[in-house]
Amino acid sequence: MATFDPATMALRGRVGAYAAHARHSPDEQLAPARRGFLARFDRQARSEAQARGETDLSDAEIARRAEMLLKAHMARLALAKHAAQRARAAAKAQQQQQQAS
């Protein structure tokens, strides 16, 4: 059985990815993943509505709530990114200060 080093495997993966992108549009390839990702927020909206006893919500209202859950998720990611950037900047400033003294 042939074994491959990580660099060879990475190159083989890249070749396969380029070939797949040549045959299909990115939207077509990512559609199942996108549907699954967005379905998460639909399930969460329905679950939260059920937990509050709101059983008569329209599909439009569920979609609106799912959209707001998606926006909240993205805002949390942006907040975490901002905090990480500030922490890195503070660590870098402290390191530079220590080197200067």
PDB file of N, CA and C in Angstrom:
ATOM      1  N   MET A   1       0.846  -1.177   0.000  1.00  0.00           N
ATOM      2  CA  MET A   1       0.000   0.000   0.000  1.00  0.00           C
ATOM      3  C   MET A   1       0.892   1.240   0.000  1.00  0.00           C
ATOM      4  N   ALA A   2       0.616   2.171  -0.890  1.00  0.00           N
ATOM      5  CA  ALA A   2       1.429   3.378  -1.004  1.00  0.00           C
ATOM      6  C   ALA A   2       1.058   4.367   0.095  1.00  0.00           C
ATOM      7  N   THR A   3       2.058   5.023   0.617  1.00  0.00           N
ATOM      8  CA  THR A   3       1.821   6.070   1.611  1.00  0.00           C
ATOM      9  C   THR A   3       2.299   7.381   1.017  1.00  0.00           C
ATOM     10  N   PHE A   4       1.652   8.456   1.404  1.00  0.00           N
ATOM     11  CA  PHE A   4       1.977   9.779   0.885  1.00  0.00           C
ATOM     12  C   PHE A   4       2.283  10.706   2.040  1.00  0.00           C
ATOM     13  N   ASP A   5       3.216  11.575   1.800  1.00  0.00           N
ATOM     14  CA  ASP A   5       3.508  12.569   2.830  1.00  0.00           C
ATOM     15  C   ASP A   5       2.435  13.656   2.787  1.00  0.00           C
ATOM     16  N   PRO A   6       2.311  14.470   3.842  1.00  0.00           N
ATOM     17  CA  PRO A   6       1.262  15.497   3.903  1.00  0.00           C
ATOM     18  C   PRO A   6       1.316  16.495   2.744  1.00  0.00           C
ATOM     19  N   ALA A   7       2.508  16.847   2.288  1.00  0.00           N
ATOM     20  CA  ALA A   7       2.619  17.808   1.183  1.00  0.00           C
ATOM     21  C   ALA A   7       2.026  17.230  -0.100  1.00  0.00           C
ATOM     22  N   THR A   8       2.303  15.949  -0.359  1.00  0.00           N
ATOM     23  CA  THR A   8       1.747  15.295  -1.546  1.00  0.00           C
ATOM     24  C   THR A   8       0.227  15.208  -1.445  1.00  0.00           C
ATOM     25  N   MET A   9      -0.266  14.867  -0.283  1.00  0.00           N
ATOM     26  CA  MET A   9      -1.715  14.785  -0.099  1.00  0.00           C
ATOM     27  C   MET A   9      -2.375  16.149  -0.288  1.00  0.00           C
ATOM     28  N   ALA A  10      -1.729  17.206   0.197  1.00  0.00           N
ATOM     29  CA  ALA A  10      -2.275  18.550   0.017  1.00  0.00           C
ATOM     30  C   ALA A  10      -2.338  18.916  -1.461  1.00  0.00           C
ATOM     31  N   LEU A  11      -1.293  18.575  -2.200  1.00  0.00           N
ATOM     32  CA  LEU A  11      -1.289  18.860  -3.640  1.00  0.00           C
ATOM     33  C   LEU A  11      -2.356  18.053  -4.368  1.00  0.00           C
ATOM     34  N   ARG A  12      -2.513  16.791  -3.988  1.00  0.00           N
ATOM     35  CA  ARG A  12      -3.548  15.967  -4.623  1.00  0.00           C
ATOM     36  C   ARG A  12      -4.938  16.527  -4.328  1.00  0.00           C
ATOM     37  N   GLY A  13      -5.143  16.977  -3.101  1.00  0.00           N
ATOM     38  CA  GLY A  13      -6.418  17.591  -2.748  1.00  0.00           C
ATOM     39  C   GLY A  13      -6.678  18.857  -3.542  1.00  0.00           C
ATOM     40  N   ARG A  14      -5.630  19.655  -3.722  1.00  0.00           N
ATOM     41  CA  ARG A  14      -5.768  20.896  -4.493  1.00  0.00           C
ATOM     42  C   ARG A  14      -6.131  20.599  -5.942  1.00  0.00           C
ATOM     43  N   VAL A  15      -5.484  19.583  -6.534  1.00  0.00           N
ATOM     44  CA  VAL A  15      -5.806  19.186  -7.909  1.00  0.00           C
ATOM     45  C   VAL A  15      -7.275  18.785  -8.005  1.00  0.00           C
ATOM     46  N   GLY A  16      -7.736  17.986  -7.061  1.00  0.00           N
ATOM     47  CA  GLY A  16      -9.130  17.563  -7.072  1.00  0.00           C
ATOM     48  C   GLY A  16     -10.096  18.726  -6.917  1.00  0.00           C
ATOM     49  N   ALA A  17      -9.749  19.668  -6.046  1.00  0.00           N
ATOM     50  CA  ALA A  17     -10.614  20.829  -5.838  1.00  0.00           C
ATOM     51  C   ALA A  17     -10.694  21.679  -7.099  1.00  0.00           C
ATOM     52  N   TYR A  18      -9.544  21.905  -7.742  1.00  0.00           N
ATOM     53  CA  TYR A  18      -9.553  22.694  -8.986  1.00  0.00           C
ATOM     54  C   TYR A  18     -10.372  22.005 -10.064  1.00  0.00           C
ATOM     55  N   ALA A  19     -10.250  20.689 -10.165  1.00  0.00           N
ATOM     56  CA  ALA A  19     -11.025  19.947 -11.163  1.00  0.00           C
ATOM     57  C   ALA A  19     -12.517  20.057 -10.874  1.00  0.00           C
ATOM     58  N   ALA A  20     -12.897  19.952  -9.598  1.00  0.00           N
ATOM     59  CA  ALA A  20     -14.320  20.075  -9.239  1.00  0.00           C
ATOM     60  C   ALA A  20     -14.840  21.476  -9.531  1.00  0.00           C
ATOM     61  N   HIS A  21     -14.031  22.496  -9.250  1.00  0.00           N
ATOM     62  CA  HIS A  21     -14.455  23.881  -9.516  1.00  0.00           C
ATOM     63  C   HIS A  21     -14.558  24.148 -11.019  1.00  0.00           C
ATOM     64  N   ALA A  22     -13.791  23.422 -11.809  1.00  0.00           N
ATOM     65  CA  ALA A  22     -13.880  23.583 -13.261  1.00  0.00           C
ATOM     66  C   ALA A  22     -15.184  22.996 -13.809  1.00  0.00           C
ATOM     67  N   ARG A  23     -15.705  21.986 -13.133  1.00  0.00           N
ATOM     68  CA  ARG A  23     -16.931  21.324 -13.613  1.00  0.00           C
ATOM     69  C   ARG A  23     -18.214  21.923 -13.051  1.00  0.00           C
ATOM     70  N   HIS A  24     -18.146  22.540 -11.874  1.00  0.00           N
ATOM     71  CA  HIS A  24     -19.358  23.014 -11.201  1.00  0.00           C
ATOM     72  C   HIS A  24     -19.138  24.430 -10.674  1.00  0.00           C
ATOM     73  N   SER A  25     -20.215  25.187 -10.586  1.00  0.00           N
ATOM     74  CA  SER A  25     -20.111  26.527 -10.016  1.00  0.00           C
ATOM     75  C   SER A  25     -20.010  26.411  -8.499  1.00  0.00           C
ATOM     76  N   PRO A  26     -19.336  27.369  -7.845  1.00  0.00           N
ATOM     77  CA  PRO A  26     -19.246  27.327  -6.386  1.00  0.00           C
ATOM     78  C   PRO A  26     -20.618  27.337  -5.712  1.00  0.00           C
ATOM     79  N   ASP A  27     -21.561  28.087  -6.280  1.00  0.00           N
ATOM     80  CA  ASP A  27     -22.906  28.120  -5.695  1.00  0.00           C
ATOM     81  C   ASP A  27     -23.541  26.736  -5.696  1.00  0.00           C
ATOM     82  N   GLU A  28     -23.355  26.027  -6.783  1.00  0.00           N
ATOM     83  CA  GLU A  28     -23.918  24.677  -6.913  1.00  0.00           C
ATOM     84  C   GLU A  28     -23.264  23.722  -5.910  1.00  0.00           C
ATOM     85  N   GLN A  29     -21.955  23.825  -5.748  1.00  0.00           N
ATOM     86  CA  GLN A  29     -21.251  22.931  -4.842  1.00  0.00           C
ATOM     87  C   GLN A  29     -21.571  23.215  -3.383  1.00  0.00           C
ATOM     88  N   LEU A  30     -21.758  24.482  -3.056  1.00  0.00           N
ATOM     89  CA  LEU A  30     -21.964  24.853  -1.657  1.00  0.00           C
ATOM     90  C   LEU A  30     -23.429  24.885  -1.237  1.00  0.00           C
ATOM     91  N   ALA A  31     -24.342  24.724  -2.175  1.00  0.00           N
ATOM     92  CA  ALA A  31     -25.768  24.812  -1.867  1.00  0.00           C
ATOM     93  C   ALA A  31     -26.200  23.859  -0.750  1.00  0.00           C
ATOM     94  N   PRO A  32     -25.803  22.590  -0.761  1.00  0.00           N
ATOM     95  CA  PRO A  32     -26.220  21.702   0.332  1.00  0.00           C
ATOM     96  C   PRO A  32     -25.694  22.159   1.695  1.00  0.00           C
ATOM     97  N   ALA A  33     -24.459  22.618   1.739  1.00  0.00           N
ATOM     98  CA  ALA A  33     -23.887  23.094   3.007  1.00  0.00           C
ATOM     99  C   ALA A  33     -24.603  24.349   3.480  1.00  0.00           C
ATOM    100  N   ARG A  34     -24.906  25.243   2.540  1.00  0.00           N
ATOM    101  CA  ARG A  34     -25.601  26.485   2.896  1.00  0.00           C
ATOM    102  C   ARG A  34     -27.003  26.186   3.429  1.00  0.00           C
ATOM    103  N   ARG A  35     -27.702  25.257   2.764  1.00  0.00           N
ATOM    104  CA  ARG A  35     -29.045  24.883   3.233  1.00  0.00           C
ATOM    105  C   ARG A  35     -28.980  24.294   4.637  1.00  0.00           C
ATOM    106  N   GLY A  36     -27.997  23.437   4.877  1.00  0.00           N
ATOM    107  CA  GLY A  36     -27.856  22.839   6.204  1.00  0.00           C
ATOM    108  C   GLY A  36     -27.541  23.873   7.268  1.00  0.00           C
ATOM    109  N   PHE A  37     -26.670  24.827   6.935  1.00  0.00           N
ATOM    110  CA  PHE A  37     -26.304  25.871   7.881  1.00  0.00           C
ATOM    111  C   PHE A  37     -27.523  26.723   8.230  1.00  0.00           C
ATOM    112  N   LEU A  38     -28.287  27.139   7.214  1.00  0.00           N
ATOM    113  CA  LEU A  38     -29.458  27.979   7.466  1.00  0.00           C
ATOM    114  C   LEU A  38     -30.578  27.200   8.152  1.00  0.00           C
ATOM    115  N   ALA A  39     -30.661  25.902   7.900  1.00  0.00           N
ATOM    116  CA  ALA A  39     -31.686  25.075   8.547  1.00  0.00           C
ATOM    117  C   ALA A  39     -31.485  25.046  10.059  1.00  0.00           C
ATOM    118  N   ARG A  40     -30.247  25.181  10.479  1.00  0.00           N
ATOM    119  CA  ARG A  40     -29.950  25.221  11.916  1.00  0.00           C
ATOM    120  C   ARG A  40     -30.737  26.338  12.595  1.00  0.00           C
ATOM    121  N   PHE A  41     -30.789  27.501  11.983  1.00  0.00           N
ATOM    122  CA  PHE A  41     -31.476  28.637  12.591  1.00  0.00           C
ATOM    123  C   PHE A  41     -32.990  28.493  12.511  1.00  0.00           C
ATOM    124  N   ASP A  42     -33.476  27.842  11.452  1.00  0.00           N
ATOM    125  CA  ASP A  42     -34.900  27.553  11.356  1.00  0.00           C
ATOM    126  C   ASP A  42     -35.310  26.597  12.480  1.00  0.00           C
ATOM    127  N   ARG A  43     -34.509  25.542  12.693  1.00  0.00           N
ATOM    128  CA  ARG A  43     -34.808  24.596  13.777  1.00  0.00           C
ATOM    129  C   ARG A  43     -34.764  25.292  15.131  1.00  0.00           C
ATOM    130  N   GLN A  44     -33.791  26.164  15.319  1.00  0.00           N
ATOM    131  CA  GLN A  44     -33.676  26.877  16.588  1.00  0.00           C
ATOM    132  C   GLN A  44     -34.878  27.792  16.805  1.00  0.00           C
ATOM    133  N   ALA A  45     -35.312  28.486  15.765  1.00  0.00           N
ATOM    134  CA  ALA A  45     -36.472  29.376  15.889  1.00  0.00           C
ATOM    135  C   ALA A  45     -37.725  28.579  16.242  1.00  0.00           C
ATOM    136  N   ARG A  46     -37.917  27.440  15.585  1.00  0.00           N
ATOM    137  CA  ARG A  46     -39.089  26.599  15.866  1.00  0.00           C
ATOM    138  C   ARG A  46     -39.023  26.030  17.284  1.00  0.00           C
ATOM    139  N   SER A  47     -37.839  25.625  17.700  1.00  0.00           N
ATOM    140  CA  SER A  47     -37.659  25.055  19.033  1.00  0.00           C
ATOM    141  C   SER A  47     -37.948  26.098  20.114  1.00  0.00           C
ATOM    142  N   GLU A  48     -37.415  27.298  19.925  1.00  0.00           N
ATOM    143  CA  GLU A  48     -37.647  28.359  20.910  1.00  0.00           C
ATOM    144  C   GLU A  48     -39.119  28.761  20.957  1.00  0.00           C
ATOM    145  N   ALA A  49     -39.774  28.795  19.794  1.00  0.00           N
ATOM    146  CA  ALA A  49     -41.198  29.135  19.758  1.00  0.00           C
ATOM    147  C   ALA A  49     -42.012  28.063  20.485  1.00  0.00           C
ATOM    148  N   GLN A  50     -41.671  26.816  20.252  1.00  0.00           N
ATOM    149  CA  GLN A  50     -42.384  25.725  20.912  1.00  0.00           C
ATOM    150  C   GLN A  50     -42.170  25.771  22.424  1.00  0.00           C
ATOM    151  N   ALA A  51     -40.963  26.081  22.849  1.00  0.00           N
ATOM    152  CA  ALA A  51     -40.663  26.152  24.282  1.00  0.00           C
ATOM    153  C   ALA A  51     -41.466  27.259  24.960  1.00  0.00           C
ATOM    154  N   ARG A  52     -41.793  28.303  24.206  1.00  0.00           N
ATOM    155  CA  ARG A  52     -42.604  29.397  24.755  1.00  0.00           C
ATOM    156  C   ARG A  52     -44.099  29.176  24.551  1.00  0.00           C
ATOM    157  N   GLY A  53     -44.455  28.046  23.972  1.00  0.00           N
ATOM    158  CA  GLY A  53     -45.863  27.741  23.756  1.00  0.00           C
ATOM    159  C   GLY A  53     -46.465  28.447  22.561  1.00  0.00           C
ATOM    160  N   GLU A  54     -45.612  28.972  21.671  1.00  0.00           N
ATOM    161  CA  GLU A  54     -46.100  29.669  20.471  1.00  0.00           C
ATOM    162  C   GLU A  54     -46.209  28.654  19.336  1.00  0.00           C
ATOM    163  N   THR A  55     -47.345  27.989  19.270  1.00  0.00           N
ATOM    164  CA  THR A  55     -47.512  26.900  18.302  1.00  0.00           C
ATOM    165  C   THR A  55     -48.179  27.349  17.009  1.00  0.00           C
ATOM    166  N   ASP A  56     -48.715  28.571  16.969  1.00  0.00           N
ATOM    167  CA  ASP A  56     -49.471  29.009  15.796  1.00  0.00           C
ATOM    168  C   ASP A  56     -48.719  30.042  14.961  1.00  0.00           C
ATOM    169  N   LEU A  57     -47.390  30.002  14.966  1.00  0.00           N
ATOM    170  CA  LEU A  57     -46.611  30.975  14.194  1.00  0.00           C
ATOM    171  C   LEU A  57     -46.610  30.601  12.716  1.00  0.00           C
ATOM    172  N   SER A  58     -46.666  31.609  11.871  1.00  0.00           N
ATOM    173  CA  SER A  58     -46.617  31.373  10.424  1.00  0.00           C
ATOM    174  C   SER A  58     -45.193  31.048   9.995  1.00  0.00           C
ATOM    175  N   ASP A  59     -45.086  30.476   8.817  1.00  0.00           N
ATOM    176  CA  ASP A  59     -43.758  30.181   8.273  1.00  0.00           C
ATOM    177  C   ASP A  59     -42.962  31.473   8.061  1.00  0.00           C
ATOM    178  N   ALA A  60     -43.652  32.539   7.712  1.00  0.00           N
ATOM    179  CA  ALA A  60     -42.981  33.828   7.519  1.00  0.00           C
ATOM    180  C   ALA A  60     -42.384  34.325   8.834  1.00  0.00           C
ATOM    181  N   GLU A  61     -43.115  34.153   9.931  1.00  0.00           N
ATOM    182  CA  GLU A  61     -42.609  34.582  11.237  1.00  0.00           C
ATOM    183  C   GLU A  61     -41.427  33.716  11.671  1.00  0.00           C
ATOM    184  N   ILE A  62     -41.511  32.430  11.413  1.00  0.00           N
ATOM    185  CA  ILE A  62     -40.387  31.541  11.723  1.00  0.00           C
ATOM    186  C   ILE A  62     -39.168  31.967  10.905  1.00  0.00           C
ATOM    187  N   ALA A  63     -39.358  32.264   9.622  1.00  0.00           N
ATOM    188  CA  ALA A  63     -38.257  32.702   8.759  1.00  0.00           C
ATOM    189  C   ALA A  63     -37.661  34.009   9.264  1.00  0.00           C
ATOM    190  N   ARG A  64     -38.504  34.930   9.716  1.00  0.00           N
ATOM    191  CA  ARG A  64     -38.013  36.207  10.245  1.00  0.00           C
ATOM    192  C   ARG A  64     -37.167  35.974  11.490  1.00  0.00           C
ATOM    193  N   ARG A  65     -37.660  35.115  12.378  1.00  0.00           N
ATOM    194  CA  ARG A  65     -36.914  34.830  13.606  1.00  0.00           C
ATOM    195  C   ARG A  65     -35.616  34.098  13.295  1.00  0.00           C
ATOM    196  N   ALA A  66     -35.646  33.197  12.331  1.00  0.00           N
ATOM    197  CA  ALA A  66     -34.427  32.479  11.933  1.00  0.00           C
ATOM    198  C   ALA A  66     -33.397  33.459  11.375  1.00  0.00           C
ATOM    199  N   GLU A  67     -33.863  34.426  10.606  1.00  0.00           N
ATOM    200  CA  GLU A  67     -32.951  35.448  10.068  1.00  0.00           C
ATOM    201  C   GLU A  67     -32.313  36.255  11.197  1.00  0.00           C
ATOM    202  N   MET A  68     -33.099  36.593  12.211  1.00  0.00           N
ATOM    203  CA  MET A  68     -32.549  37.345  13.343  1.00  0.00           C
ATOM    204  C   MET A  68     -31.560  36.500  14.146  1.00  0.00           C
ATOM    205  N   LEU A  69     -31.839  35.189  14.263  1.00  0.00           N
ATOM    206  CA  LEU A  69     -30.894  34.295  14.935  1.00  0.00           C
ATOM    207  C   LEU A  69     -29.586  34.199  14.159  1.00  0.00           C
ATOM    208  N   LEU A  70     -29.677  34.171  12.827  1.00  0.00           N
ATOM    209  CA  LEU A  70     -28.484  34.169  11.988  1.00  0.00           C
ATOM    210  C   LEU A  70     -27.684  35.457  12.195  1.00  0.00           C
ATOM    211  N   LYS A  71     -28.372  36.589  12.216  1.00  0.00           N
ATOM    212  CA  LYS A  71     -27.685  37.871  12.422  1.00  0.00           C
ATOM    213  C   LYS A  71     -27.030  37.931  13.799  1.00  0.00           C
ATOM    214  N   ALA A  72     -27.705  37.398  14.805  1.00  0.00           N
ATOM    215  CA  ALA A  72     -27.126  37.369  16.156  1.00  0.00           C
ATOM    216  C   ALA A  72     -25.883  36.482  16.171  1.00  0.00           C
ATOM    217  N   HIS A  73     -25.939  35.353  15.474  1.00  0.00           N
ATOM    218  CA  HIS A  73     -24.791  34.449  15.394  1.00  0.00           C
ATOM    219  C   HIS A  73     -23.601  35.163  14.746  1.00  0.00           C
ATOM    220  N   MET A  74     -23.842  35.851  13.635  1.00  0.00           N
ATOM    221  CA  MET A  74     -22.767  36.559  12.938  1.00  0.00           C
ATOM    222  C   MET A  74     -22.210  37.695  13.790  1.00  0.00           C
ATOM    223  N   ALA A  75     -23.076  38.370  14.527  1.00  0.00           N
ATOM    224  CA  ALA A  75     -22.617  39.453  15.406  1.00  0.00           C
ATOM    225  C   ALA A  75     -21.750  38.891  16.534  1.00  0.00           C
ATOM    226  N   ARG A  76     -22.129  37.727  17.073  1.00  0.00           N
ATOM    227  CA  ARG A  76     -21.294  37.090  18.104  1.00  0.00           C
ATOM    228  C   ARG A  76     -19.922  36.724  17.550  1.00  0.00           C
ATOM    229  N   LEU A  77     -19.876  36.232  16.314  1.00  0.00           N
ATOM    230  CA  LEU A  77     -18.595  35.915  15.687  1.00  0.00           C
ATOM    231  C   LEU A  77     -17.753  37.175  15.511  1.00  0.00           C
ATOM    232  N   ALA A  78     -18.382  38.268  15.088  1.00  0.00           N
ATOM    233  CA  ALA A  78     -17.656  39.527  14.913  1.00  0.00           C
ATOM    234  C   ALA A  78     -17.125  40.029  16.250  1.00  0.00           C
ATOM    235  N   LEU A  79     -17.915  39.893  17.285  1.00  0.00           N
ATOM    236  CA  LEU A  79     -17.486  40.315  18.620  1.00  0.00           C
ATOM    237  C   LEU A  79     -16.298  39.479  19.094  1.00  0.00           C
ATOM    238  N   ALA A  80     -16.352  38.180  18.878  1.00  0.00           N
ATOM    239  CA  ALA A  80     -15.241  37.308  19.265  1.00  0.00           C
ATOM    240  C   ALA A  80     -13.980  37.648  18.472  1.00  0.00           C
ATOM    241  N   LYS A  81     -14.142  37.952  17.197  1.00  0.00           N
ATOM    242  CA  LYS A  81     -12.995  38.346  16.372  1.00  0.00           C
ATOM    243  C   LYS A  81     -12.379  39.626  16.900  1.00  0.00           C
ATOM    244  N   HIS A  82     -13.209  40.588  17.217  1.00  0.00           N
ATOM    245  CA  HIS A  82     -12.735  41.862  17.744  1.00  0.00           C
ATOM    246  C   HIS A  82     -11.978  41.665  19.055  1.00  0.00           C
ATOM    247  N   ALA A  83     -12.515  40.847  19.938  1.00  0.00           N
ATOM    248  CA  ALA A  83     -11.855  40.588  21.220  1.00  0.00           C
ATOM    249  C   ALA A  83     -10.502  39.908  20.999  1.00  0.00           C
ATOM    250  N   ALA A  84     -10.436  38.966  20.062  1.00  0.00           N
ATOM    251  CA  ALA A  84      -9.181  38.279  19.775  1.00  0.00           C
ATOM    252  C   ALA A  84      -8.150  39.240  19.193  1.00  0.00           C
ATOM    253  N   GLN A  85      -8.597  40.128  18.315  1.00  0.00           N
ATOM    254  CA  GLN A  85      -7.687  41.115  17.738  1.00  0.00           C
ATOM    255  C   GLN A  85      -7.140  42.051  18.805  1.00  0.00           C
ATOM    256  N   ARG A  86      -7.992  42.482  19.700  1.00  0.00           N
ATOM    257  CA  ARG A  86      -7.538  43.368  20.780  1.00  0.00           C
ATOM    258  C   ARG A  86      -6.563  42.645  21.699  1.00  0.00           C
ATOM    259  N   ALA A  87      -6.831  41.376  21.997  1.00  0.00           N
ATOM    260  CA  ALA A  87      -5.937  40.610  22.855  1.00  0.00           C
ATOM    261  C   ALA A  87      -4.571  40.432  22.191  1.00  0.00           C
ATOM    262  N   ARG A  88      -4.569  40.140  20.875  1.00  0.00           N
ATOM    263  CA  ARG A  88      -3.299  39.999  20.153  1.00  0.00           C
ATOM    264  C   ARG A  88      -2.537  41.317  20.138  1.00  0.00           C
ATOM    265  N   ALA A  89      -3.234  42.411  19.915  1.00  0.00           N
ATOM    266  CA  ALA A  89      -2.584  43.721  19.881  1.00  0.00           C
ATOM    267  C   ALA A  89      -2.003  44.065  21.251  1.00  0.00           C
ATOM    268  N   ALA A  90      -2.731  43.757  22.307  1.00  0.00           N
ATOM    269  CA  ALA A  90      -2.243  44.041  23.663  1.00  0.00           C
ATOM    270  C   ALA A  90      -1.016  43.187  23.978  1.00  0.00           C
ATOM    271  N   ALA A  91      -1.050  41.921  23.578  1.00  0.00           N
ATOM    272  CA  ALA A  91       0.095  41.036  23.818  1.00  0.00           C
ATOM    273  C   ALA A  91       1.312  41.504  23.036  1.00  0.00           C
ATOM    274  N   LYS A  92       1.096  41.936  21.819  1.00  0.00           N
ATOM    275  CA  LYS A  92       2.198  42.432  20.992  1.00  0.00           C
ATOM    276  C   LYS A  92       2.784  43.711  21.592  1.00  0.00           C
ATOM    277  N   ALA A  93       1.929  44.617  22.045  1.00  0.00           N
ATOM    278  CA  ALA A  93       2.399  45.868  22.672  1.00  0.00           C
ATOM    279  C   ALA A  93       3.178  45.578  23.936  1.00  0.00           C
ATOM    280  N   GLN A  94       2.707  44.623  24.720  1.00  0.00           N
ATOM    281  CA  GLN A  94       3.409  44.265  25.959  1.00  0.00           C
ATOM    282  C   GLN A  94       4.769  43.647  25.643  1.00  0.00           C
ATOM    283  N   GLN A  95       4.813  42.812  24.626  1.00  0.00           N
ATOM    284  CA  GLN A  95       6.072  42.185  24.222  1.00  0.00           C
ATOM    285  C   GLN A  95       7.067  43.241  23.748  1.00  0.00           C
ATOM    286  N   GLN A  96       6.585  44.192  22.952  1.00  0.00           N
ATOM    287  CA  GLN A  96       7.466  45.251  22.463  1.00  0.00           C
ATOM    288  C   GLN A  96       7.963  46.129  23.605  1.00  0.00           C
ATOM    289  N   GLN A  97       7.099  46.380  24.582  1.00  0.00           N
ATOM    290  CA  GLN A  97       7.479  47.184  25.737  1.00  0.00           C
ATOM    291  C   GLN A  97       8.554  46.472  26.554  1.00  0.00           C
ATOM    292  N   GLN A  98       8.401  45.163  26.713  1.00  0.00           N
ATOM    293  CA  GLN A  98       9.384  44.385  27.462  1.00  0.00           C
ATOM    294  C   GLN A  98      10.729  44.348  26.733  1.00  0.00           C
ATOM    295  N   GLN A  99      10.703  44.284  25.417  1.00  0.00           N
ATOM    296  CA  GLN A  99      11.931  44.264  24.648  1.00  0.00           C
ATOM    297  C   GLN A  99      12.637  45.613  24.688  1.00  0.00           C
ATOM    298  N   ALA A 100      11.852  46.689  24.782  1.00  0.00           N
ATOM    299  CA  ALA A 100      12.442  48.029  24.805  1.00  0.00           C
ATOM    300  C   ALA A 100      13.096  48.332  26.146  1.00  0.00           C
ATOM    301  N   SER A 101      12.633  47.691  27.199  1.00  0.00           N
ATOM    302  CA  SER A 101      13.212  47.999  28.525  1.00  0.00           C
ATOM    303  C   SER A 101      14.279  47.051  28.945  1.00  0.00           C
TER     304      SER A 101
END
